[in-house]
Amino acid sequence: MRLQIRSVKNIAQVTKALEAVSASKVRKAQLAVMATRQYAAKALQILRHLSEQPGNMASLHPLLQTRAQVKNVTIVLYTSDRGLCGAYNTNALRSALNYARRVGADVRYVAVGRKGRDLLIRRKQNVVAEFVNLPSNPTYADSAAIGRLLVDDFLNGQTDRVYLAYTDFVNMLRQEPRVVQVLPLQPESAHAQEAGEGAKTNKLLAAYEYEPSQEELLNVIIPRFTQLQVHQALLESLASEHAARMTAMRNATDNAKDLIAGLQLSYNKARQLAITSDMLDIAGGAEALAKAE
């Protein structure tokens, strides 16, 4: 029992250290998310407004072209390279698989993170690319390769739609798995109808004018923004991973303390029982010697 108590104490020290490391990392990741979130949201609003303008979507930019028949779909699954983060990876995988069952097309996966890759391969899913061992503080250049792969596959006709399956960082205690479409870009009207804003948003859209032409803007903005969406999803996932790991390690430390208290109580009872038995044996022996005399 002493060995078991010592083992649980060692595990508690490890989980407490991991909690401290994750708490330090989640602050940096949270700052990175907040620094880019507003920019990404405004860029998406501008792009959706541009795509809503009169004209042929395909002529404006190939990445805006909606395919008449969706045969192949690519889902980029964001998970972690390491475990010990609770249900973070499982929830992200479950969200992606549930969405894949509803699309009604062949699904290809791009795995960002070792855990997601292993889980997808274990379930015999079609993994066409993987990106693992990314830096702990990724830059835009680190995620650019993912964006280029998605754009090239869409332009080459290898995929008809691209979705990002990641975990959105809400706060330290709440992280929500999400699946969002990144290619082709959805017009503002469709997005507004999903949000329940409808006609009001359409009226506001007509008040904007852009220079130079929308074609020139789209040719520059859309490829960059696609990569920005990929990078933003990566930052959201990293912040969610560290928050989930910090919470999981805190719960593990608390459970270890409870287990140690239970084991210590059982140890004290066993030790008291052994001492009482020894004392009874001594008293019994002393009484037997006294009677013998």
C-alpha atoms as a PDB file:
ATOM      1  CA  MET A   1       0.000   0.000   0.000  1.00  0.00           C
ATOM      2  CA  ARG A   2       2.917   2.343   0.658  1.00  0.00           C
ATOM      3  CA  LEU A   3       4.208   1.701  -2.861  1.00  0.00           C
ATOM      4  CA  GLN A   4       0.767   2.393  -4.319  1.00  0.00           C
ATOM      5  CA  ILE A   5       0.459   5.679  -2.398  1.00  0.00           C
ATOM      6  CA  ARG A   6       3.928   6.708  -3.547  1.00  0.00           C
ATOM      7  CA  SER A   7       3.051   5.888  -7.162  1.00  0.00           C
ATOM      8  CA  VAL A   8      -0.150   7.955  -7.065  1.00  0.00           C
ATOM      9  CA  LYS A   9       1.753  10.892  -5.527  1.00  0.00           C
ATOM     10  CA  ASN A  10       4.298  10.761  -8.361  1.00  0.00           C
ATOM     11  CA  ILE A  11       1.484  10.777 -10.931  1.00  0.00           C
ATOM     12  CA  ALA A  12      -0.135  13.755  -9.160  1.00  0.00           C
ATOM     13  CA  GLN A  13       3.141  15.671  -9.393  1.00  0.00           C
ATOM     14  CA  VAL A  14       3.307  15.002 -13.138  1.00  0.00           C
ATOM     15  CA  THR A  15      -0.295  16.065 -13.772  1.00  0.00           C
ATOM     16  CA  LYS A  16       0.192  19.209 -11.692  1.00  0.00           C
ATOM     17  CA  ALA A  17       3.293  20.118 -13.707  1.00  0.00           C
ATOM     18  CA  LEU A  18       1.445  19.523 -16.986  1.00  0.00           C
ATOM     19  CA  GLU A  19      -1.392  21.726 -15.756  1.00  0.00           C
ATOM     20  CA  ALA A  20       1.067  24.552 -15.057  1.00  0.00           C
ATOM     21  CA  VAL A  21       2.678  24.177 -18.504  1.00  0.00           C
ATOM     22  CA  SER A  22      -0.702  24.171 -20.256  1.00  0.00           C
ATOM     23  CA  ALA A  23      -1.823  27.225 -18.259  1.00  0.00           C
ATOM     24  CA  SER A  24       1.229  29.093 -19.516  1.00  0.00           C
ATOM     25  CA  LYS A  25       0.711  27.999 -23.117  1.00  0.00           C
ATOM     26  CA  VAL A  26      -3.020  28.687 -23.194  1.00  0.00           C
ATOM     27  CA  ARG A  27      -2.456  32.347 -22.325  1.00  0.00           C
ATOM     28  CA  LYS A  28      -0.147  32.790 -25.306  1.00  0.00           C
ATOM     29  CA  ALA A  29      -2.510  30.867 -27.575  1.00  0.00           C
ATOM     30  CA  GLN A  30      -5.475  32.912 -26.378  1.00  0.00           C
ATOM     31  CA  LEU A  31      -3.663  36.161 -27.155  1.00  0.00           C
ATOM     32  CA  ALA A  32      -2.817  34.879 -30.639  1.00  0.00           C
ATOM     33  CA  VAL A  33      -6.459  33.945 -31.271  1.00  0.00           C
ATOM     34  CA  MET A  34      -7.798  37.289 -30.085  1.00  0.00           C
ATOM     35  CA  ALA A  35      -5.225  39.176 -32.162  1.00  0.00           C
ATOM     36  CA  THR A  36      -6.408  37.612 -35.450  1.00  0.00           C
ATOM     37  CA  ARG A  37     -10.086  36.811 -34.809  1.00  0.00           C
ATOM     38  CA  GLN A  38     -11.501  40.275 -35.584  1.00  0.00           C
ATOM     39  CA  TYR A  39      -9.387  40.636 -38.696  1.00  0.00           C
ATOM     40  CA  ALA A  40     -10.481  37.236 -40.006  1.00  0.00           C
ATOM     41  CA  ALA A  41     -14.154  38.012 -39.294  1.00  0.00           C
ATOM     42  CA  LYS A  42     -14.005  41.383 -41.093  1.00  0.00           C
ATOM     43  CA  ALA A  43     -12.161  39.873 -44.062  1.00  0.00           C
ATOM     44  CA  LEU A  44     -14.849  37.196 -44.337  1.00  0.00           C
ATOM     45  CA  GLN A  45     -17.579  39.849 -44.255  1.00  0.00           C
ATOM     46  CA  ILE A  46     -15.916  41.815 -47.071  1.00  0.00           C
ATOM     47  CA  LEU A  47     -15.422  38.708 -49.192  1.00  0.00           C
ATOM     48  CA  ARG A  48     -19.019  37.627 -48.762  1.00  0.00           C
ATOM     49  CA  HIS A  49     -20.164  41.093 -49.763  1.00  0.00           C
ATOM     50  CA  LEU A  50     -17.991  40.993 -52.879  1.00  0.00           C
ATOM     51  CA  SER A  51     -19.282  37.558 -53.824  1.00  0.00           C
ATOM     52  CA  GLU A  52     -22.865  38.861 -53.476  1.00  0.00           C
ATOM     53  CA  GLN A  53     -22.409  41.466 -56.218  1.00  0.00           C
ATOM     54  CA  PRO A  54     -24.243  40.889 -59.542  1.00  0.00           C
ATOM     55  CA  GLY A  55     -22.391  38.715 -62.019  1.00  0.00           C
ATOM     56  CA  ASN A  56     -21.279  35.181 -62.633  1.00  0.00           C
ATOM     57  CA  MET A  57     -19.568  33.778 -59.563  1.00  0.00           C
ATOM     58  CA  ALA A  58     -17.285  31.554 -61.623  1.00  0.00           C
ATOM     59  CA  SER A  59     -16.169  34.527 -63.755  1.00  0.00           C
ATOM     60  CA  LEU A  60     -15.305  36.566 -60.670  1.00  0.00           C
ATOM     61  CA  HIS A  61     -12.943  33.919 -59.317  1.00  0.00           C
ATOM     62  CA  PRO A  62     -12.638  30.114 -59.685  1.00  0.00           C
ATOM     63  CA  LEU A  63     -12.626  29.663 -55.904  1.00  0.00           C
ATOM     64  CA  LEU A  64     -16.161  31.112 -55.809  1.00  0.00           C
ATOM     65  CA  GLN A  65     -17.527  28.574 -58.279  1.00  0.00           C
ATOM     66  CA  THR A  66     -20.186  26.306 -56.825  1.00  0.00           C
ATOM     67  CA  ARG A  67     -20.087  22.903 -58.485  1.00  0.00           C
ATOM     68  CA  ALA A  68     -23.395  21.634 -59.851  1.00  0.00           C
ATOM     69  CA  GLN A  69     -22.694  18.120 -58.599  1.00  0.00           C
ATOM     70  CA  VAL A  70     -20.687  17.522 -55.443  1.00  0.00           C
ATOM     71  CA  LYS A  71     -18.827  14.224 -55.796  1.00  0.00           C
ATOM     72  CA  ASN A  72     -15.796  14.693 -53.545  1.00  0.00           C
ATOM     73  CA  VAL A  73     -15.517  16.595 -50.279  1.00  0.00           C
ATOM     74  CA  THR A  74     -12.384  17.375 -48.294  1.00  0.00           C
ATOM     75  CA  ILE A  75     -12.533  17.790 -44.514  1.00  0.00           C
ATOM     76  CA  VAL A  76      -9.519  19.218 -42.709  1.00  0.00           C
ATOM     77  CA  LEU A  77      -9.511  17.704 -39.210  1.00  0.00           C
ATOM     78  CA  TYR A  78      -7.604  19.633 -36.534  1.00  0.00           C
ATOM     79  CA  THR A  79      -6.417  17.606 -33.534  1.00  0.00           C
ATOM     80  CA  SER A  80      -3.374  17.527 -31.267  1.00  0.00           C
ATOM     81  CA  ASP A  81      -0.036  15.770 -31.615  1.00  0.00           C
ATOM     82  CA  ARG A  82      -0.110  14.654 -27.977  1.00  0.00           C
ATOM     83  CA  GLY A  83      -2.732  13.186 -25.685  1.00  0.00           C
ATOM     84  CA  LEU A  84      -3.666  13.916 -22.064  1.00  0.00           C
ATOM     85  CA  CYS A  85      -6.219  16.530 -23.138  1.00  0.00           C
ATOM     86  CA  GLY A  86      -9.464  14.844 -22.159  1.00  0.00           C
ATOM     87  CA  ALA A  87     -12.111  14.404 -24.840  1.00  0.00           C
ATOM     88  CA  TYR A  88     -10.693  17.157 -27.070  1.00  0.00           C
ATOM     89  CA  ASN A  89      -9.544  14.894 -29.911  1.00  0.00           C
ATOM     90  CA  THR A  90     -12.524  12.541 -29.655  1.00  0.00           C
ATOM     91  CA  ASN A  91     -15.042  15.380 -29.834  1.00  0.00           C
ATOM     92  CA  ALA A  92     -13.352  16.899 -32.895  1.00  0.00           C
ATOM     93  CA  LEU A  93     -13.281  13.517 -34.649  1.00  0.00           C
ATOM     94  CA  ARG A  94     -16.907  12.755 -33.783  1.00  0.00           C
ATOM     95  CA  SER A  95     -18.014  16.142 -35.138  1.00  0.00           C
ATOM     96  CA  ALA A  96     -16.162  15.580 -38.430  1.00  0.00           C
ATOM     97  CA  LEU A  97     -17.458  12.015 -38.894  1.00  0.00           C
ATOM     98  CA  ASN A  98     -21.049  13.011 -38.118  1.00  0.00           C
ATOM     99  CA  TYR A  99     -20.862  15.811 -40.682  1.00  0.00           C
ATOM    100  CA  ALA A 100     -19.259  13.497 -43.243  1.00  0.00           C
ATOM    101  CA  ARG A 101     -22.243  11.132 -43.019  1.00  0.00           C
ATOM    102  CA  ARG A 102     -24.601  13.949 -44.037  1.00  0.00           C
ATOM    103  CA  VAL A 103     -22.759  15.370 -47.056  1.00  0.00           C
ATOM    104  CA  GLY A 104     -23.750  12.562 -49.417  1.00  0.00           C
ATOM    105  CA  ALA A 105     -20.394  12.409 -51.237  1.00  0.00           C
ATOM    106  CA  ASP A 106     -17.006  10.740 -51.053  1.00  0.00           C
ATOM    107  CA  VAL A 107     -15.041  12.283 -48.192  1.00  0.00           C
ATOM    108  CA  ARG A 108     -11.286  12.856 -48.155  1.00  0.00           C
ATOM    109  CA  TYR A 109      -9.507  13.896 -44.976  1.00  0.00           C
ATOM    110  CA  VAL A 110      -6.524  16.139 -44.390  1.00  0.00           C
ATOM    111  CA  ALA A 111      -5.248  15.436 -40.873  1.00  0.00           C
ATOM    112  CA  VAL A 112      -3.634  18.279 -38.933  1.00  0.00           C
ATOM    113  CA  GLY A 113      -2.245  16.604 -35.832  1.00  0.00           C
ATOM    114  CA  ARG A 114      -0.970  13.103 -35.095  1.00  0.00           C
ATOM    115  CA  LYS A 115      -3.910  12.009 -32.931  1.00  0.00           C
ATOM    116  CA  GLY A 116      -6.485  12.781 -35.605  1.00  0.00           C
ATOM    117  CA  ARG A 117      -4.429  10.997 -38.239  1.00  0.00           C
ATOM    118  CA  ASP A 118      -4.159   7.868 -36.103  1.00  0.00           C
ATOM    119  CA  LEU A 119      -7.876   7.898 -35.253  1.00  0.00           C
ATOM    120  CA  LEU A 120      -8.889   8.313 -38.891  1.00  0.00           C
ATOM    121  CA  ILE A 121      -6.577   5.536 -40.084  1.00  0.00           C
ATOM    122  CA  ARG A 122      -7.873   3.278 -37.317  1.00  0.00           C
ATOM    123  CA  ARG A 123     -11.392   3.851 -38.651  1.00  0.00           C
ATOM    124  CA  LYS A 124     -10.182   3.172 -42.218  1.00  0.00           C
ATOM    125  CA  GLN A 125     -10.960   6.650 -43.520  1.00  0.00           C
ATOM    126  CA  ASN A 126      -9.393   8.136 -46.669  1.00  0.00           C
ATOM    127  CA  VAL A 127      -6.538  10.322 -45.400  1.00  0.00           C
ATOM    128  CA  VAL A 128      -4.896  12.083 -48.362  1.00  0.00           C
ATOM    129  CA  ALA A 129      -2.466  14.320 -46.447  1.00  0.00           C
ATOM    130  CA  GLU A 130      -1.162  14.885 -42.942  1.00  0.00           C
ATOM    131  CA  PHE A 131       0.520  17.777 -41.157  1.00  0.00           C
ATOM    132  CA  VAL A 132       2.100  16.857 -37.813  1.00  0.00           C
ATOM    133  CA  ASN A 133       4.712  18.280 -35.451  1.00  0.00           C
ATOM    134  CA  LEU A 134       3.709  21.885 -36.129  1.00  0.00           C
ATOM    135  CA  PRO A 135       5.374  24.527 -33.910  1.00  0.00           C
ATOM    136  CA  SER A 136       3.794  25.323 -30.560  1.00  0.00           C
ATOM    137  CA  ASN A 137       3.451  28.963 -31.692  1.00  0.00           C
ATOM    138  CA  PRO A 138       2.625  28.583 -35.406  1.00  0.00           C
ATOM    139  CA  THR A 139       2.992  31.499 -37.770  1.00  0.00           C
ATOM    140  CA  TYR A 140       1.092  32.211 -40.961  1.00  0.00           C
ATOM    141  CA  ALA A 141       3.895  30.580 -42.951  1.00  0.00           C
ATOM    142  CA  ASP A 142       3.535  27.337 -40.971  1.00  0.00           C
ATOM    143  CA  SER A 143      -0.087  26.878 -42.077  1.00  0.00           C
ATOM    144  CA  ALA A 144       0.393  28.222 -45.620  1.00  0.00           C
ATOM    145  CA  ALA A 145       1.163  24.738 -46.961  1.00  0.00           C
ATOM    146  CA  ILE A 146      -2.240  23.490 -45.799  1.00  0.00           C
ATOM    147  CA  GLY A 147      -3.999  26.375 -47.543  1.00  0.00           C
ATOM    148  CA  ARG A 148      -2.073  25.861 -50.776  1.00  0.00           C
ATOM    149  CA  LEU A 149      -2.970  22.160 -50.797  1.00  0.00           C
ATOM    150  CA  LEU A 150      -6.683  22.921 -50.397  1.00  0.00           C
ATOM    151  CA  VAL A 151      -6.691  25.610 -53.085  1.00  0.00           C
ATOM    152  CA  ASP A 152      -4.793  23.412 -55.553  1.00  0.00           C
ATOM    153  CA  ASP A 153      -7.101  20.434 -54.976  1.00  0.00           C
ATOM    154  CA  PHE A 154     -10.181  22.613 -55.501  1.00  0.00           C
ATOM    155  CA  LEU A 155      -8.854  24.254 -58.662  1.00  0.00           C
ATOM    156  CA  ASN A 156      -7.731  20.887 -60.078  1.00  0.00           C
ATOM    157  CA  GLY A 157     -11.183  19.400 -59.540  1.00  0.00           C
ATOM    158  CA  GLN A 158     -10.010  16.791 -57.015  1.00  0.00           C
ATOM    159  CA  THR A 159     -12.505  18.138 -54.505  1.00  0.00           C
ATOM    160  CA  ASP A 160     -15.757  20.056 -54.888  1.00  0.00           C
ATOM    161  CA  ARG A 161     -16.067  21.405 -51.355  1.00  0.00           C
ATOM    162  CA  VAL A 162     -13.649  21.997 -48.499  1.00  0.00           C
ATOM    163  CA  TYR A 163     -14.606  22.061 -44.830  1.00  0.00           C
ATOM    164  CA  LEU A 164     -12.589  22.838 -41.726  1.00  0.00           C
ATOM    165  CA  ALA A 165     -13.369  20.680 -38.679  1.00  0.00           C
ATOM    166  CA  TYR A 166     -11.791  22.344 -35.669  1.00  0.00           C
ATOM    167  CA  THR A 167     -12.533  23.255 -32.043  1.00  0.00           C
ATOM    168  CA  ASP A 168     -13.588  26.842 -31.490  1.00  0.00           C
ATOM    169  CA  PHE A 169     -12.124  28.465 -28.373  1.00  0.00           C
ATOM    170  CA  VAL A 170     -14.950  30.112 -26.418  1.00  0.00           C
ATOM    171  CA  ASN A 171     -13.345  30.419 -22.987  1.00  0.00           C
ATOM    172  CA  MET A 172     -11.131  28.436 -20.637  1.00  0.00           C
ATOM    173  CA  LEU A 173     -13.925  26.044 -19.695  1.00  0.00           C
ATOM    174  CA  ARG A 174     -15.811  25.845 -22.987  1.00  0.00           C
ATOM    175  CA  GLN A 175     -14.542  24.695 -26.393  1.00  0.00           C
ATOM    176  CA  GLU A 176     -16.999  23.857 -29.174  1.00  0.00           C
ATOM    177  CA  PRO A 177     -16.262  21.552 -32.158  1.00  0.00           C
ATOM    178  CA  ARG A 178     -17.237  23.212 -35.436  1.00  0.00           C
ATOM    179  CA  VAL A 179     -17.361  22.308 -39.120  1.00  0.00           C
ATOM    180  CA  VAL A 180     -17.320  25.299 -41.491  1.00  0.00           C
ATOM    181  CA  GLN A 181     -17.193  25.498 -45.286  1.00  0.00           C
ATOM    182  CA  VAL A 182     -14.183  27.362 -46.618  1.00  0.00           C
ATOM    183  CA  LEU A 183     -14.361  26.527 -50.355  1.00  0.00           C
ATOM    184  CA  PRO A 184     -16.267  27.573 -52.343  1.00  0.00           C
ATOM    185  CA  LEU A 185     -16.997  30.732 -50.427  1.00  0.00           C
ATOM    186  CA  GLN A 186     -20.648  31.106 -49.465  1.00  0.00           C
ATOM    187  CA  PRO A 187     -22.326  34.423 -50.421  1.00  0.00           C
ATOM    188  CA  GLU A 188     -23.361  36.834 -47.708  1.00  0.00           C
ATOM    189  CA  SER A 189     -27.072  36.235 -48.355  1.00  0.00           C
ATOM    190  CA  ALA A 190     -26.755  32.497 -47.638  1.00  0.00           C
ATOM    191  CA  HIS A 191     -24.770  33.190 -44.502  1.00  0.00           C
ATOM    192  CA  ALA A 192     -27.292  35.801 -43.353  1.00  0.00           C
ATOM    193  CA  GLN A 193     -30.213  33.421 -43.883  1.00  0.00           C
ATOM    194  CA  GLU A 194     -28.448  30.797 -41.766  1.00  0.00           C
ATOM    195  CA  ALA A 195     -27.973  33.409 -39.045  1.00  0.00           C
ATOM    196  CA  GLY A 196     -31.560  34.650 -39.375  1.00  0.00           C
ATOM    197  CA  GLU A 197     -30.592  38.148 -40.559  1.00  0.00           C
ATOM    198  CA  GLY A 198     -31.921  37.962 -44.132  1.00  0.00           C
ATOM    199  CA  ALA A 199     -33.125  41.136 -45.772  1.00  0.00           C
ATOM    200  CA  LYS A 200     -31.540  43.540 -43.310  1.00  0.00           C
ATOM    201  CA  THR A 201     -28.051  42.376 -44.256  1.00  0.00           C
ATOM    202  CA  ASN A 202     -28.839  42.558 -47.971  1.00  0.00           C
ATOM    203  CA  LYS A 203     -29.866  46.207 -47.633  1.00  0.00           C
ATOM    204  CA  LEU A 204     -26.624  47.025 -45.890  1.00  0.00           C
ATOM    205  CA  LEU A 205     -24.586  45.285 -48.587  1.00  0.00           C
ATOM    206  CA  ALA A 206     -25.728  47.697 -51.294  1.00  0.00           C
ATOM    207  CA  ALA A 207     -24.116  50.654 -49.496  1.00  0.00           C
ATOM    208  CA  TYR A 208     -20.506  49.575 -50.212  1.00  0.00           C
ATOM    209  CA  GLU A 209     -18.349  50.412 -53.213  1.00  0.00           C
ATOM    210  CA  TYR A 210     -14.850  49.053 -53.843  1.00  0.00           C
ATOM    211  CA  GLU A 211     -11.830  50.333 -55.750  1.00  0.00           C
ATOM    212  CA  PRO A 212     -10.190  48.828 -57.752  1.00  0.00           C
ATOM    213  CA  SER A 213     -12.692  46.447 -59.356  1.00  0.00           C
ATOM    214  CA  GLN A 214     -14.062  43.496 -57.454  1.00  0.00           C
ATOM    215  CA  GLU A 215     -12.310  41.102 -59.864  1.00  0.00           C
ATOM    216  CA  GLU A 216      -8.896  42.537 -58.984  1.00  0.00           C
ATOM    217  CA  LEU A 217      -9.707  42.462 -55.291  1.00  0.00           C
ATOM    218  CA  LEU A 218     -10.939  38.885 -55.401  1.00  0.00           C
ATOM    219  CA  ASN A 219      -7.875  37.663 -57.297  1.00  0.00           C
ATOM    220  CA  VAL A 220      -5.676  38.910 -54.477  1.00  0.00           C
ATOM    221  CA  ILE A 221      -7.886  38.456 -51.423  1.00  0.00           C
ATOM    222  CA  ILE A 222      -9.529  35.064 -51.886  1.00  0.00           C
ATOM    223  CA  PRO A 223      -6.392  32.838 -52.010  1.00  0.00           C
ATOM    224  CA  ARG A 224      -4.904  34.740 -49.079  1.00  0.00           C
ATOM    225  CA  PHE A 225      -8.102  34.623 -47.094  1.00  0.00           C
ATOM    226  CA  THR A 226      -8.453  30.885 -47.630  1.00  0.00           C
ATOM    227  CA  GLN A 227      -5.052  30.460 -46.000  1.00  0.00           C
ATOM    228  CA  LEU A 228      -6.074  32.926 -43.296  1.00  0.00           C
ATOM    229  CA  GLN A 229      -9.111  30.775 -42.478  1.00  0.00           C
ATOM    230  CA  VAL A 230      -6.878  27.712 -42.225  1.00  0.00           C
ATOM    231  CA  HIS A 231      -4.466  29.566 -39.955  1.00  0.00           C
ATOM    232  CA  GLN A 232      -7.240  30.955 -37.767  1.00  0.00           C
ATOM    233  CA  ALA A 233      -8.707  27.465 -37.315  1.00  0.00           C
ATOM    234  CA  LEU A 234      -5.243  26.233 -36.303  1.00  0.00           C
ATOM    235  CA  LEU A 235      -4.919  28.964 -33.663  1.00  0.00           C
ATOM    236  CA  GLU A 236      -8.408  28.251 -32.324  1.00  0.00           C
ATOM    237  CA  SER A 237      -7.591  24.544 -32.098  1.00  0.00           C
ATOM    238  CA  LEU A 238      -4.305  25.137 -30.275  1.00  0.00           C
ATOM    239  CA  ALA A 239      -5.950  27.390 -27.702  1.00  0.00           C
ATOM    240  CA  SER A 240      -8.718  24.827 -27.211  1.00  0.00           C
ATOM    241  CA  GLU A 241      -6.163  22.008 -26.884  1.00  0.00           C
ATOM    242  CA  HIS A 242      -4.199  23.772 -24.149  1.00  0.00           C
ATOM    243  CA  ALA A 243      -7.382  24.743 -22.293  1.00  0.00           C
ATOM    244  CA  ALA A 244      -8.688  21.159 -22.503  1.00  0.00           C
ATOM    245  CA  ARG A 245      -5.352  19.743 -21.327  1.00  0.00           C
ATOM    246  CA  MET A 246      -5.191  22.193 -18.423  1.00  0.00           C
ATOM    247  CA  THR A 247      -8.707  21.221 -17.325  1.00  0.00           C
ATOM    248  CA  ALA A 248      -8.007  17.500 -17.750  1.00  0.00           C
ATOM    249  CA  MET A 249      -4.775  17.690 -15.759  1.00  0.00           C
ATOM    250  CA  ARG A 250      -6.461  19.693 -13.009  1.00  0.00           C
ATOM    251  CA  ASN A 251      -9.187  17.061 -12.734  1.00  0.00           C
ATOM    252  CA  ALA A 252      -6.557  14.314 -12.755  1.00  0.00           C
ATOM    253  CA  THR A 253      -4.647  16.028  -9.942  1.00  0.00           C
ATOM    254  CA  ASP A 254      -7.827  16.406  -7.871  1.00  0.00           C
ATOM    255  CA  ASN A 255      -8.734  12.761  -8.455  1.00  0.00           C
ATOM    256  CA  ALA A 256      -5.219  11.701  -7.453  1.00  0.00           C
ATOM    257  CA  LYS A 257      -5.530  13.657  -4.210  1.00  0.00           C
ATOM    258  CA  ASP A 258      -8.837  11.951  -3.462  1.00  0.00           C
ATOM    259  CA  LEU A 259      -7.304   8.579  -4.254  1.00  0.00           C
ATOM    260  CA  ILE A 260      -4.317   9.296  -2.016  1.00  0.00           C
ATOM    261  CA  ALA A 261      -6.644  10.271   0.842  1.00  0.00           C
ATOM    262  CA  GLY A 262      -8.582   7.011   0.433  1.00  0.00           C
ATOM    263  CA  LEU A 263      -5.442   4.931   0.224  1.00  0.00           C
ATOM    264  CA  GLN A 264      -3.937   6.687   3.246  1.00  0.00           C
ATOM    265  CA  LEU A 265      -7.081   5.978   5.258  1.00  0.00           C
ATOM    266  CA  SER A 266      -6.963   2.301   4.259  1.00  0.00           C
ATOM    267  CA  TYR A 267      -3.251   2.213   5.087  1.00  0.00           C
ATOM    268  CA  ASN A 268      -3.844   3.729   8.544  1.00  0.00           C
ATOM    269  CA  LYS A 269      -6.624   1.235   9.231  1.00  0.00           C
ATOM    270  CA  ALA A 270      -4.426  -1.690   8.159  1.00  0.00           C
ATOM    271  CA  ARG A 271      -1.515  -0.343  10.206  1.00  0.00           C
ATOM    272  CA  GLN A 272      -3.736   0.137  13.253  1.00  0.00           C
ATOM    273  CA  LEU A 273      -5.099  -3.376  12.823  1.00  0.00           C
ATOM    274  CA  ALA A 274      -1.573  -4.805  12.630  1.00  0.00           C
ATOM    275  CA  ILE A 275      -0.465  -2.878  15.736  1.00  0.00           C
ATOM    276  CA  THR A 276      -3.570  -3.966  17.643  1.00  0.00           C
ATOM    277  CA  SER A 277      -2.971  -7.596  16.643  1.00  0.00           C
ATOM    278  CA  ASP A 278       0.659  -7.388  17.795  1.00  0.00           C
ATOM    279  CA  MET A 279      -0.399  -5.848  21.095  1.00  0.00           C
ATOM    280  CA  LEU A 280      -2.990  -8.585  21.622  1.00  0.00           C
ATOM    281  CA  ASP A 281      -0.380 -11.240  20.865  1.00  0.00           C
ATOM    282  CA  ILE A 282       2.037  -9.664  23.376  1.00  0.00           C
ATOM    283  CA  ALA A 283      -0.679  -9.328  26.024  1.00  0.00           C
ATOM    284  CA  GLY A 284      -1.763 -12.909  25.406  1.00  0.00           C
ATOM    285  CA  GLY A 285       1.820 -14.168  25.682  1.00  0.00           C
ATOM    286  CA  ALA A 286       2.435 -12.194  28.872  1.00  0.00           C
ATOM    287  CA  GLU A 287      -0.777 -13.595  30.407  1.00  0.00           C
ATOM    288  CA  ALA A 288       0.220 -17.144  29.431  1.00  0.00           C
ATOM    289  CA  LEU A 289       3.650 -16.704  31.057  1.00  0.00           C
ATOM    290  CA  ALA A 290       2.042 -15.346  34.215  1.00  0.00           C
ATOM    291  CA  LYS A 291      -0.266 -18.339  34.474  1.00  0.00           C
ATOM    292  CA  ALA A 292       2.615 -20.722  33.841  1.00  0.00           C
ATOM    293  CA  GLU A 293       4.529 -19.267  36.768  1.00  0.00           C
END
